[in-house]
Amino acid sequence: MLAARDGETIALSAANQRCGGGNAQLGLSPRPTGAASKPLKDFLVEGEKLYCSYAAFFRSQALSPAPPLGLADYVVLSPLGKAALRPDVVVFIVDATQACRLITLDRYESGAPPKVWMAGATCYQTITYPVVTGETNVSLMDYTSRKIKGYDRHDLIVTIPYERMTGVIRAITLSTAGTASFEVPENFRAQYREDDDAR
């Protein structure tokens, strides 16, 4: 994602990328089961120490929406302006203030808060979950990703399904989270004056 942010286009497939867990989390290959899942469980429990037990790992997998196995053969990451295909999601690497603005713009029309999912691998949180559910997501990323991939300590990720971007863009000029000016309605001011007078 950092390379795509910096201008590169990357096409990930089950054959050309080294992260077996990522392949499964993105739906490029089936999630391993039975004896085939033991190396991954050992890695996450004994190696990365992201789960205290196999049971905790199992619970995390069981509670997560299933990856979109068979949806596509590639996951293509690119700057939005260079996208040769219609994107499924738009990924923003942002700080907390930028995230706040994006979430406010995203829910400007509906008023509905995002159903955030902060569990699992970074690729799952930022790509799979929004693709599968159609929900905007905020991700702190998994801790190992943050350490080994060079993210800034203030970075977090907001992913917005592409079909929601029209509403986000429309809200920019209408909301103070975008470019609209802040105004206090007279009846609101009058209410506060009355409350002050009553005291």
N, C-alpha and C. Protein backbone atom coordinates (compact mmCIF):
# COMPACT_ATOMS: atom_id res chain seq x y z
N MET A 1 0.82 -1.20 0.00
CA MET A 1 0.00 0.00 0.00
C MET A 1 0.86 1.25 0.00
N LEU A 2 2.00 1.19 0.70
CA LEU A 2 2.90 2.35 0.70
C LEU A 2 3.46 2.58 -0.69
N ALA A 3 3.80 1.51 -1.40
CA ALA A 3 4.33 1.64 -2.76
C ALA A 3 3.27 2.23 -3.69
N ALA A 4 2.02 1.79 -3.54
CA ALA A 4 0.93 2.34 -4.36
C ALA A 4 0.72 3.81 -4.03
N ARG A 5 0.81 4.16 -2.75
CA ARG A 5 0.68 5.56 -2.37
C ARG A 5 1.76 6.40 -3.04
N ASP A 6 2.95 5.79 -3.21
CA ASP A 6 4.07 6.52 -3.79
C ASP A 6 4.13 6.43 -5.31
N GLY A 7 3.06 5.89 -5.95
CA GLY A 7 2.95 5.95 -7.40
C GLY A 7 3.04 4.64 -8.15
N GLU A 8 3.36 3.54 -7.47
CA GLU A 8 3.50 2.26 -8.17
C GLU A 8 2.15 1.58 -8.36
N THR A 9 2.08 0.71 -9.37
CA THR A 9 0.93 -0.17 -9.55
C THR A 9 1.41 -1.59 -9.32
N ILE A 10 0.73 -2.29 -8.45
CA ILE A 10 1.13 -3.65 -8.06
C ILE A 10 -0.06 -4.58 -8.27
N ALA A 11 0.18 -5.71 -8.92
CA ALA A 11 -0.87 -6.73 -9.11
C ALA A 11 -0.45 -7.96 -8.32
N LEU A 12 -1.13 -8.21 -7.21
CA LEU A 12 -0.83 -9.36 -6.36
C LEU A 12 -1.65 -10.57 -6.79
N SER A 13 -1.00 -11.72 -6.85
CA SER A 13 -1.71 -12.97 -7.11
C SER A 13 -1.19 -14.02 -6.15
N ALA A 14 -1.86 -15.13 -6.08
CA ALA A 14 -1.41 -16.22 -5.21
C ALA A 14 -0.03 -16.71 -5.63
N ALA A 15 0.32 -16.54 -6.91
CA ALA A 15 1.59 -17.06 -7.42
C ALA A 15 2.75 -16.09 -7.24
N ASN A 16 2.49 -14.79 -7.14
CA ASN A 16 3.61 -13.85 -7.17
C ASN A 16 3.89 -13.14 -5.86
N GLN A 17 3.20 -13.49 -4.81
CA GLN A 17 3.52 -12.85 -3.54
C GLN A 17 3.77 -13.90 -2.48
N ARG A 18 4.63 -13.55 -1.52
CA ARG A 18 5.18 -14.53 -0.59
C ARG A 18 4.35 -14.78 0.66
N CYS A 19 3.36 -13.98 0.92
CA CYS A 19 2.62 -14.11 2.18
C CYS A 19 1.43 -15.06 1.99
N GLY A 20 1.59 -16.30 2.43
CA GLY A 20 0.50 -17.27 2.32
C GLY A 20 -0.72 -16.84 3.10
N GLY A 21 -0.50 -16.27 4.27
CA GLY A 21 -1.62 -15.77 5.07
C GLY A 21 -2.35 -14.66 4.34
N GLY A 22 -1.58 -13.77 3.70
CA GLY A 22 -2.19 -12.69 2.92
C GLY A 22 -3.00 -13.21 1.76
N ASN A 23 -2.49 -14.24 1.07
CA ASN A 23 -3.26 -14.85 -0.02
C ASN A 23 -4.63 -15.31 0.48
N ALA A 24 -4.63 -15.99 1.61
CA ALA A 24 -5.90 -16.50 2.17
C ALA A 24 -6.78 -15.35 2.65
N GLN A 25 -6.18 -14.35 3.30
CA GLN A 25 -6.97 -13.23 3.84
C GLN A 25 -7.59 -12.38 2.72
N LEU A 26 -6.92 -12.33 1.56
CA LEU A 26 -7.44 -11.56 0.43
C LEU A 26 -8.37 -12.37 -0.47
N GLY A 27 -8.51 -13.68 -0.19
CA GLY A 27 -9.37 -14.53 -1.00
C GLY A 27 -8.70 -15.02 -2.27
N LEU A 28 -7.37 -14.92 -2.37
CA LEU A 28 -6.65 -15.40 -3.54
C LEU A 28 -6.40 -16.90 -3.48
N SER A 29 -6.46 -17.45 -2.27
CA SER A 29 -6.36 -18.90 -2.08
C SER A 29 -7.21 -19.26 -0.87
N PRO A 30 -7.60 -20.53 -0.73
CA PRO A 30 -8.44 -20.92 0.42
C PRO A 30 -7.66 -20.75 1.73
N ARG A 31 -8.40 -20.46 2.79
CA ARG A 31 -7.77 -20.47 4.11
C ARG A 31 -7.36 -21.90 4.43
N PRO A 32 -6.15 -22.10 4.95
CA PRO A 32 -5.75 -23.47 5.28
C PRO A 32 -6.59 -24.02 6.43
N THR A 33 -6.85 -25.33 6.38
CA THR A 33 -7.62 -25.99 7.44
C THR A 33 -6.86 -27.24 7.88
N GLY A 34 -7.27 -27.79 9.00
CA GLY A 34 -6.67 -29.02 9.50
C GLY A 34 -5.18 -28.89 9.69
N ALA A 35 -4.44 -29.94 9.32
CA ALA A 35 -2.99 -29.96 9.51
C ALA A 35 -2.30 -28.85 8.73
N ALA A 36 -2.86 -28.43 7.59
CA ALA A 36 -2.26 -27.38 6.78
C ALA A 36 -2.28 -26.02 7.48
N SER A 37 -3.16 -25.86 8.48
CA SER A 37 -3.24 -24.57 9.18
C SER A 37 -2.26 -24.48 10.35
N LYS A 38 -1.62 -25.59 10.72
CA LYS A 38 -0.74 -25.59 11.89
C LYS A 38 0.43 -24.62 11.75
N PRO A 39 1.15 -24.56 10.63
CA PRO A 39 2.25 -23.59 10.53
C PRO A 39 1.80 -22.15 10.74
N LEU A 40 0.65 -21.78 10.19
CA LEU A 40 0.15 -20.42 10.37
C LEU A 40 -0.21 -20.17 11.83
N LYS A 41 -0.89 -21.13 12.46
CA LYS A 41 -1.24 -20.98 13.88
C LYS A 41 0.01 -20.85 14.72
N ASP A 42 1.02 -21.70 14.46
CA ASP A 42 2.28 -21.62 15.21
C ASP A 42 2.92 -20.25 15.03
N PHE A 43 2.91 -19.75 13.79
CA PHE A 43 3.52 -18.45 13.50
C PHE A 43 2.83 -17.33 14.28
N LEU A 44 1.50 -17.33 14.28
CA LEU A 44 0.76 -16.24 14.93
C LEU A 44 0.75 -16.35 16.46
N VAL A 45 0.77 -17.59 16.97
CA VAL A 45 0.73 -17.79 18.43
C VAL A 45 2.13 -17.82 19.03
N GLU A 46 3.04 -18.58 18.42
CA GLU A 46 4.38 -18.75 18.99
C GLU A 46 5.40 -17.74 18.43
N GLY A 47 5.23 -17.36 17.16
CA GLY A 47 6.19 -16.46 16.51
C GLY A 47 5.86 -15.00 16.75
N GLU A 48 4.81 -14.53 16.10
CA GLU A 48 4.42 -13.12 16.25
C GLU A 48 3.81 -12.84 17.63
N LYS A 49 3.28 -13.87 18.26
CA LYS A 49 2.62 -13.72 19.57
C LYS A 49 1.48 -12.69 19.52
N LEU A 50 0.67 -12.81 18.48
CA LEU A 50 -0.49 -11.93 18.34
C LEU A 50 -1.74 -12.54 18.97
N TYR A 51 -1.68 -13.83 19.28
CA TYR A 51 -2.77 -14.53 19.97
C TYR A 51 -2.17 -15.35 21.09
N CYS A 52 -2.89 -15.47 22.20
CA CYS A 52 -2.35 -16.20 23.35
C CYS A 52 -2.49 -17.71 23.19
N SER A 53 -3.37 -18.14 22.26
CA SER A 53 -3.63 -19.57 22.13
C SER A 53 -4.22 -19.87 20.76
N TYR A 54 -4.23 -21.16 20.40
CA TYR A 54 -4.91 -21.57 19.17
C TYR A 54 -6.39 -21.24 19.23
N ALA A 55 -6.97 -21.36 20.41
CA ALA A 55 -8.40 -21.07 20.56
C ALA A 55 -8.69 -19.60 20.24
N ALA A 56 -7.82 -18.69 20.70
CA ALA A 56 -8.01 -17.26 20.41
C ALA A 56 -7.89 -17.00 18.91
N PHE A 57 -6.91 -17.65 18.28
CA PHE A 57 -6.76 -17.52 16.82
C PHE A 57 -8.00 -18.06 16.10
N PHE A 58 -8.46 -19.23 16.51
CA PHE A 58 -9.65 -19.83 15.89
C PHE A 58 -10.85 -18.89 16.03
N ARG A 59 -11.02 -18.34 17.22
CA ARG A 59 -12.15 -17.43 17.48
C ARG A 59 -12.07 -16.22 16.55
N SER A 60 -10.88 -15.65 16.40
CA SER A 60 -10.71 -14.49 15.53
C SER A 60 -11.12 -14.83 14.10
N GLN A 61 -10.69 -15.99 13.60
CA GLN A 61 -11.04 -16.41 12.24
C GLN A 61 -12.54 -16.67 12.12
N ALA A 62 -13.11 -17.34 13.11
CA ALA A 62 -14.52 -17.72 13.05
C ALA A 62 -15.45 -16.52 13.09
N LEU A 63 -15.05 -15.47 13.79
CA LEU A 63 -15.90 -14.30 13.93
C LEU A 63 -15.76 -13.30 12.79
N SER A 64 -14.70 -13.45 11.98
CA SER A 64 -14.44 -12.53 10.87
C SER A 64 -15.26 -12.92 9.64
N PRO A 65 -15.82 -11.94 8.91
CA PRO A 65 -16.46 -12.28 7.64
C PRO A 65 -15.46 -13.00 6.73
N ALA A 66 -15.92 -14.02 6.03
CA ALA A 66 -15.04 -14.84 5.19
C ALA A 66 -14.48 -14.03 4.03
N PRO A 67 -13.21 -14.25 3.67
CA PRO A 67 -12.63 -13.58 2.51
C PRO A 67 -13.38 -13.96 1.23
N PRO A 68 -13.26 -13.13 0.19
CA PRO A 68 -14.01 -13.36 -1.05
C PRO A 68 -13.31 -14.35 -1.98
N LEU A 69 -13.19 -15.60 -1.54
CA LEU A 69 -12.51 -16.63 -2.32
C LEU A 69 -13.18 -16.78 -3.68
N GLY A 70 -12.36 -16.73 -4.74
CA GLY A 70 -12.88 -16.88 -6.09
C GLY A 70 -13.38 -15.60 -6.74
N LEU A 71 -13.38 -14.49 -6.02
CA LEU A 71 -13.85 -13.22 -6.59
C LEU A 71 -12.93 -12.76 -7.71
N ALA A 72 -11.62 -12.91 -7.53
CA ALA A 72 -10.65 -12.44 -8.52
C ALA A 72 -9.35 -13.23 -8.41
N ASP A 73 -8.55 -13.16 -9.44
CA ASP A 73 -7.24 -13.80 -9.44
C ASP A 73 -6.14 -12.84 -9.00
N TYR A 74 -6.45 -11.54 -9.01
CA TYR A 74 -5.46 -10.52 -8.65
C TYR A 74 -6.09 -9.49 -7.72
N VAL A 75 -5.26 -8.90 -6.87
CA VAL A 75 -5.60 -7.69 -6.14
C VAL A 75 -4.65 -6.63 -6.68
N VAL A 76 -5.22 -5.60 -7.32
CA VAL A 76 -4.41 -4.56 -7.94
C VAL A 76 -4.43 -3.33 -7.05
N LEU A 77 -3.24 -2.86 -6.70
CA LEU A 77 -3.09 -1.64 -5.89
C LEU A 77 -2.45 -0.58 -6.77
N SER A 78 -3.03 0.61 -6.80
CA SER A 78 -2.45 1.70 -7.59
C SER A 78 -2.96 3.02 -7.04
N PRO A 79 -2.28 4.12 -7.39
CA PRO A 79 -2.87 5.43 -7.07
C PRO A 79 -4.22 5.54 -7.79
N LEU A 80 -5.17 6.20 -7.17
CA LEU A 80 -6.51 6.29 -7.74
C LEU A 80 -6.48 6.92 -9.13
N GLY A 81 -5.65 7.91 -9.32
CA GLY A 81 -5.55 8.59 -10.62
C GLY A 81 -4.98 7.72 -11.72
N LYS A 82 -4.32 6.62 -11.37
CA LYS A 82 -3.74 5.72 -12.37
C LYS A 82 -4.55 4.44 -12.53
N ALA A 83 -5.66 4.32 -11.84
CA ALA A 83 -6.42 3.06 -11.86
C ALA A 83 -6.93 2.76 -13.26
N ALA A 84 -6.52 1.62 -13.80
CA ALA A 84 -6.97 1.20 -15.12
C ALA A 84 -8.32 0.47 -15.05
N LEU A 85 -8.67 0.01 -13.86
CA LEU A 85 -9.93 -0.69 -13.63
C LEU A 85 -10.76 0.09 -12.62
N ARG A 86 -12.07 -0.15 -12.63
CA ARG A 86 -12.92 0.46 -11.59
C ARG A 86 -12.51 -0.12 -10.25
N PRO A 87 -12.13 0.73 -9.31
CA PRO A 87 -11.72 0.21 -7.99
C PRO A 87 -12.90 -0.37 -7.22
N ASP A 88 -12.60 -1.32 -6.36
CA ASP A 88 -13.60 -1.81 -5.41
C ASP A 88 -13.58 -0.96 -4.15
N VAL A 89 -12.39 -0.54 -3.74
CA VAL A 89 -12.24 0.29 -2.54
C VAL A 89 -11.17 1.36 -2.79
N VAL A 90 -11.26 2.42 -2.00
CA VAL A 90 -10.25 3.48 -2.01
C VAL A 90 -9.62 3.48 -0.63
N VAL A 91 -8.29 3.32 -0.60
CA VAL A 91 -7.54 3.21 0.65
C VAL A 91 -6.80 4.52 0.91
N PHE A 92 -7.01 5.08 2.09
CA PHE A 92 -6.34 6.32 2.48
C PHE A 92 -5.41 6.03 3.66
N ILE A 93 -4.12 6.34 3.53
CA ILE A 93 -3.18 6.27 4.65
C ILE A 93 -3.13 7.68 5.22
N VAL A 94 -3.62 7.84 6.45
CA VAL A 94 -3.90 9.16 6.99
C VAL A 94 -3.49 9.26 8.46
N ASP A 95 -3.58 10.48 9.00
CA ASP A 95 -3.44 10.66 10.44
C ASP A 95 -4.85 10.73 11.05
N ALA A 96 -4.94 10.88 12.34
CA ALA A 96 -6.24 10.82 13.02
C ALA A 96 -7.19 11.94 12.58
N THR A 97 -6.69 13.14 12.36
CA THR A 97 -7.54 14.25 11.94
C THR A 97 -8.11 13.99 10.55
N GLN A 98 -7.27 13.52 9.64
CA GLN A 98 -7.74 13.21 8.29
C GLN A 98 -8.77 12.08 8.33
N ALA A 99 -8.53 11.08 9.19
CA ALA A 99 -9.49 9.98 9.33
C ALA A 99 -10.83 10.51 9.82
N CYS A 100 -10.81 11.39 10.79
CA CYS A 100 -12.03 11.98 11.32
C CYS A 100 -12.81 12.69 10.22
N ARG A 101 -12.11 13.44 9.39
CA ARG A 101 -12.77 14.17 8.31
C ARG A 101 -13.39 13.19 7.30
N LEU A 102 -12.64 12.16 6.92
CA LEU A 102 -13.16 11.19 5.95
C LEU A 102 -14.40 10.47 6.48
N ILE A 103 -14.36 10.05 7.74
CA ILE A 103 -15.51 9.35 8.33
C ILE A 103 -16.71 10.27 8.40
N THR A 104 -16.49 11.52 8.75
CA THR A 104 -17.59 12.49 8.81
C THR A 104 -18.20 12.71 7.42
N LEU A 105 -17.36 12.85 6.42
CA LEU A 105 -17.86 13.03 5.05
C LEU A 105 -18.60 11.79 4.57
N ASP A 106 -18.09 10.62 4.93
CA ASP A 106 -18.72 9.36 4.50
C ASP A 106 -20.12 9.20 5.08
N ARG A 107 -20.33 9.64 6.31
CA ARG A 107 -21.64 9.44 6.93
C ARG A 107 -22.50 10.70 6.89
N TYR A 108 -22.05 11.72 6.17
CA TYR A 108 -22.78 12.99 6.08
C TYR A 108 -24.21 12.79 5.62
N GLU A 109 -24.42 12.01 4.58
CA GLU A 109 -25.78 11.84 4.04
C GLU A 109 -26.62 10.84 4.81
N SER A 110 -26.02 9.72 5.19
CA SER A 110 -26.82 8.66 5.84
C SER A 110 -26.94 8.85 7.35
N GLY A 111 -25.93 9.46 7.95
CA GLY A 111 -25.90 9.57 9.41
C GLY A 111 -25.45 8.28 10.09
N ALA A 112 -25.31 7.21 9.33
CA ALA A 112 -24.96 5.90 9.91
C ALA A 112 -23.46 5.82 10.19
N PRO A 113 -23.08 5.43 11.41
CA PRO A 113 -21.66 5.29 11.71
C PRO A 113 -21.08 4.06 11.03
N PRO A 114 -19.77 4.07 10.79
CA PRO A 114 -19.16 2.88 10.17
C PRO A 114 -19.19 1.70 11.14
N LYS A 115 -19.28 0.51 10.58
CA LYS A 115 -19.18 -0.72 11.37
C LYS A 115 -17.74 -1.19 11.26
N VAL A 116 -16.91 -0.67 12.11
CA VAL A 116 -15.46 -0.84 12.02
C VAL A 116 -15.04 -2.24 12.45
N TRP A 117 -14.05 -2.80 11.72
CA TRP A 117 -13.48 -4.11 12.03
C TRP A 117 -11.98 -3.95 12.17
N MET A 118 -11.47 -4.10 13.40
CA MET A 118 -10.05 -3.87 13.65
C MET A 118 -9.30 -5.14 14.01
N ALA A 119 -9.72 -6.27 13.49
CA ALA A 119 -9.06 -7.53 13.81
C ALA A 119 -8.49 -8.15 12.54
N GLY A 120 -7.40 -8.88 12.73
CA GLY A 120 -6.80 -9.61 11.62
C GLY A 120 -5.66 -8.87 10.96
N ALA A 121 -5.18 -9.44 9.89
CA ALA A 121 -4.06 -8.86 9.15
C ALA A 121 -4.45 -7.51 8.55
N THR A 122 -3.45 -6.69 8.31
CA THR A 122 -3.69 -5.38 7.71
C THR A 122 -4.41 -5.51 6.38
N CYS A 123 -4.01 -6.47 5.55
CA CYS A 123 -4.66 -6.62 4.24
C CYS A 123 -6.14 -6.99 4.41
N TYR A 124 -6.45 -7.77 5.42
CA TYR A 124 -7.85 -8.14 5.68
C TYR A 124 -8.65 -6.90 6.09
N GLN A 125 -8.12 -6.15 7.06
CA GLN A 125 -8.83 -4.98 7.57
C GLN A 125 -9.04 -3.91 6.51
N THR A 126 -8.03 -3.71 5.66
CA THR A 126 -8.07 -2.58 4.74
C THR A 126 -8.66 -2.91 3.38
N ILE A 127 -8.62 -4.17 2.97
CA ILE A 127 -9.13 -4.53 1.65
C ILE A 127 -10.30 -5.51 1.76
N THR A 128 -10.06 -6.66 2.39
CA THR A 128 -11.07 -7.72 2.40
C THR A 128 -12.36 -7.29 3.09
N TYR A 129 -12.27 -6.80 4.32
CA TYR A 129 -13.48 -6.46 5.06
C TYR A 129 -14.35 -5.44 4.31
N PRO A 130 -13.77 -4.33 3.82
CA PRO A 130 -14.63 -3.39 3.07
C PRO A 130 -15.19 -3.98 1.77
N VAL A 131 -14.41 -4.83 1.07
CA VAL A 131 -14.91 -5.44 -0.16
C VAL A 131 -16.08 -6.36 0.15
N VAL A 132 -15.94 -7.20 1.17
CA VAL A 132 -16.96 -8.20 1.50
C VAL A 132 -18.22 -7.57 2.07
N THR A 133 -18.07 -6.55 2.92
CA THR A 133 -19.23 -5.99 3.63
C THR A 133 -19.79 -4.72 3.01
N GLY A 134 -19.01 -4.02 2.19
CA GLY A 134 -19.45 -2.72 1.68
C GLY A 134 -19.36 -1.63 2.72
N GLU A 135 -18.71 -1.91 3.85
CA GLU A 135 -18.58 -0.95 4.94
C GLU A 135 -17.28 -0.16 4.83
N THR A 136 -17.34 1.11 5.18
CA THR A 136 -16.12 1.90 5.37
C THR A 136 -15.43 1.35 6.62
N ASN A 137 -14.11 1.28 6.58
CA ASN A 137 -13.39 0.74 7.73
C ASN A 137 -12.24 1.66 8.13
N VAL A 138 -11.95 1.64 9.41
CA VAL A 138 -10.78 2.32 9.97
C VAL A 138 -9.89 1.23 10.53
N SER A 139 -8.61 1.27 10.17
CA SER A 139 -7.67 0.25 10.62
C SER A 139 -6.45 0.89 11.27
N LEU A 140 -6.09 0.36 12.43
CA LEU A 140 -4.82 0.73 13.06
C LEU A 140 -3.70 -0.14 12.51
N MET A 141 -4.05 -1.12 11.69
CA MET A 141 -3.16 -2.13 11.11
C MET A 141 -2.74 -3.13 12.18
N ASP A 142 -2.29 -4.31 11.73
CA ASP A 142 -1.77 -5.25 12.72
C ASP A 142 -0.37 -4.81 13.11
N TYR A 143 0.03 -5.14 14.31
CA TYR A 143 1.26 -4.59 14.87
C TYR A 143 2.49 -4.98 14.08
N THR A 144 2.53 -6.21 13.58
CA THR A 144 3.70 -6.65 12.81
C THR A 144 3.83 -5.85 11.53
N SER A 145 2.72 -5.59 10.84
CA SER A 145 2.76 -4.76 9.63
C SER A 145 3.34 -3.39 9.93
N ARG A 146 2.88 -2.82 11.01
CA ARG A 146 3.35 -1.47 11.35
C ARG A 146 4.87 -1.47 11.52
N LYS A 147 5.40 -2.51 12.14
CA LYS A 147 6.83 -2.55 12.42
C LYS A 147 7.67 -2.82 11.19
N ILE A 148 7.25 -3.77 10.36
CA ILE A 148 8.15 -4.21 9.28
C ILE A 148 7.93 -3.49 7.96
N LYS A 149 6.88 -2.75 7.81
CA LYS A 149 6.60 -2.14 6.52
C LYS A 149 6.88 -0.65 6.45
N GLY A 150 7.29 -0.02 7.54
CA GLY A 150 7.71 1.36 7.47
C GLY A 150 6.61 2.41 7.57
N TYR A 151 5.50 2.06 8.17
CA TYR A 151 4.46 3.07 8.39
C TYR A 151 4.92 4.04 9.46
N ASP A 152 4.48 5.28 9.37
CA ASP A 152 4.75 6.27 10.39
C ASP A 152 3.92 5.93 11.63
N ARG A 153 4.42 6.28 12.79
CA ARG A 153 3.71 5.94 14.04
C ARG A 153 2.33 6.57 14.12
N HIS A 154 2.09 7.64 13.36
CA HIS A 154 0.78 8.31 13.39
C HIS A 154 -0.17 7.81 12.30
N ASP A 155 0.30 6.94 11.41
CA ASP A 155 -0.52 6.47 10.30
C ASP A 155 -1.62 5.52 10.77
N LEU A 156 -2.77 5.68 10.17
CA LEU A 156 -3.83 4.68 10.23
C LEU A 156 -4.48 4.67 8.87
N ILE A 157 -5.34 3.72 8.64
CA ILE A 157 -5.90 3.56 7.30
C ILE A 157 -7.42 3.65 7.35
N VAL A 158 -7.97 4.45 6.44
CA VAL A 158 -9.41 4.50 6.22
C VAL A 158 -9.66 3.95 4.83
N THR A 159 -10.54 2.97 4.72
CA THR A 159 -10.91 2.40 3.44
C THR A 159 -12.38 2.66 3.19
N ILE A 160 -12.66 3.24 2.03
CA ILE A 160 -14.04 3.55 1.66
C ILE A 160 -14.39 2.79 0.39
N PRO A 161 -15.46 1.98 0.43
CA PRO A 161 -15.89 1.32 -0.81
C PRO A 161 -16.12 2.35 -1.91
N TYR A 162 -15.69 2.03 -3.11
CA TYR A 162 -15.70 2.99 -4.21
C TYR A 162 -17.09 3.57 -4.46
N GLU A 163 -18.13 2.74 -4.32
CA GLU A 163 -19.48 3.23 -4.60
C GLU A 163 -19.94 4.29 -3.60
N ARG A 164 -19.25 4.41 -2.49
CA ARG A 164 -19.59 5.44 -1.50
C ARG A 164 -18.87 6.77 -1.76
N MET A 165 -17.89 6.75 -2.67
CA MET A 165 -17.07 7.94 -2.88
C MET A 165 -17.86 9.11 -3.47
N THR A 166 -18.91 8.84 -4.25
CA THR A 166 -19.71 9.94 -4.79
C THR A 166 -20.30 10.77 -3.67
N GLY A 167 -20.83 10.10 -2.65
CA GLY A 167 -21.40 10.82 -1.50
C GLY A 167 -20.33 11.57 -0.72
N VAL A 168 -19.16 10.97 -0.57
CA VAL A 168 -18.06 11.63 0.14
C VAL A 168 -17.67 12.90 -0.59
N ILE A 169 -17.51 12.81 -1.91
CA ILE A 169 -17.11 13.97 -2.70
C ILE A 169 -18.19 15.05 -2.66
N ARG A 170 -19.45 14.63 -2.76
CA ARG A 170 -20.56 15.59 -2.72
C ARG A 170 -20.59 16.33 -1.37
N ALA A 171 -20.21 15.65 -0.30
CA ALA A 171 -20.26 16.25 1.04
C ALA A 171 -19.14 17.26 1.29
N ILE A 172 -18.10 17.25 0.49
CA ILE A 172 -16.95 18.12 0.76
C ILE A 172 -17.36 19.58 0.86
N THR A 173 -18.17 20.07 -0.07
CA THR A 173 -18.54 21.49 -0.03
C THR A 173 -19.69 21.77 0.92
N LEU A 174 -20.32 20.72 1.46
CA LEU A 174 -21.50 20.89 2.31
C LEU A 174 -21.19 20.76 3.80
N SER A 175 -20.08 20.14 4.14
CA SER A 175 -19.76 19.83 5.53
C SER A 175 -18.51 20.59 5.98
N THR A 176 -18.48 20.93 7.26
CA THR A 176 -17.27 21.57 7.80
C THR A 176 -16.12 20.58 7.88
N ALA A 177 -16.38 19.28 7.75
CA ALA A 177 -15.29 18.31 7.65
C ALA A 177 -14.62 18.42 6.28
N GLY A 178 -15.30 19.10 5.35
CA GLY A 178 -14.74 19.41 4.04
C GLY A 178 -14.35 20.87 4.00
N THR A 179 -15.05 21.64 3.15
CA THR A 179 -14.69 23.06 2.97
C THR A 179 -15.78 24.03 3.39
N ALA A 180 -16.94 23.53 3.86
CA ALA A 180 -18.03 24.43 4.25
C ALA A 180 -17.63 25.26 5.48
N SER A 181 -18.12 26.49 5.53
CA SER A 181 -17.79 27.35 6.67
C SER A 181 -18.70 27.02 7.85
N PHE A 182 -18.16 27.20 9.03
CA PHE A 182 -18.89 26.94 10.27
C PHE A 182 -19.82 28.11 10.55
N GLU A 183 -21.09 27.82 10.81
CA GLU A 183 -22.08 28.86 11.10
C GLU A 183 -22.91 28.43 12.30
N VAL A 184 -23.19 29.37 13.18
CA VAL A 184 -24.04 29.08 14.34
C VAL A 184 -25.41 29.70 14.07
N PRO A 185 -26.46 28.88 13.93
CA PRO A 185 -27.80 29.42 13.67
C PRO A 185 -28.25 30.36 14.78
N GLU A 186 -28.99 31.39 14.41
CA GLU A 186 -29.43 32.40 15.37
C GLU A 186 -30.27 31.79 16.49
N ASN A 187 -31.16 30.84 16.17
CA ASN A 187 -32.00 30.25 17.21
C ASN A 187 -31.16 29.46 18.21
N PHE A 188 -30.03 28.90 17.77
CA PHE A 188 -29.12 28.19 18.68
C PHE A 188 -28.45 29.19 19.61
N ARG A 189 -28.00 30.34 19.05
CA ARG A 189 -27.40 31.39 19.87
C ARG A 189 -28.41 31.94 20.88
N ALA A 190 -29.64 32.13 20.39
CA ALA A 190 -30.68 32.69 21.26
C ALA A 190 -30.95 31.75 22.43
N GLN A 191 -30.97 30.44 22.19
CA GLN A 191 -31.20 29.46 23.25
C GLN A 191 -30.14 29.58 24.33
N TYR A 192 -28.90 29.74 23.93
CA TYR A 192 -27.80 29.86 24.90
C TYR A 192 -27.88 31.17 25.66
N ARG A 193 -28.31 32.25 24.97
CA ARG A 193 -28.49 33.53 25.69
C ARG A 193 -29.58 33.38 26.75
N GLU A 194 -30.69 32.71 26.39
CA GLU A 194 -31.77 32.50 27.34
C GLU A 194 -31.30 31.67 28.54
N ASP A 195 -30.51 30.62 28.26
CA ASP A 195 -29.99 29.79 29.34
C ASP A 195 -29.08 30.59 30.26
N ASP A 196 -28.25 31.46 29.67
CA ASP A 196 -27.36 32.31 30.49
C ASP A 196 -28.17 33.29 31.34
N ASP A 197 -29.22 33.87 30.73
CA ASP A 197 -30.06 34.82 31.47
C ASP A 197 -30.78 34.12 32.63
N ALA A 198 -31.17 32.85 32.42
CA ALA A 198 -31.89 32.11 33.45
C ALA A 198 -31.00 31.80 34.64
N ARG A 199 -29.70 31.74 34.40
CA ARG A 199 -28.76 31.46 35.50
C ARG A 199 -28.58 32.71 36.29
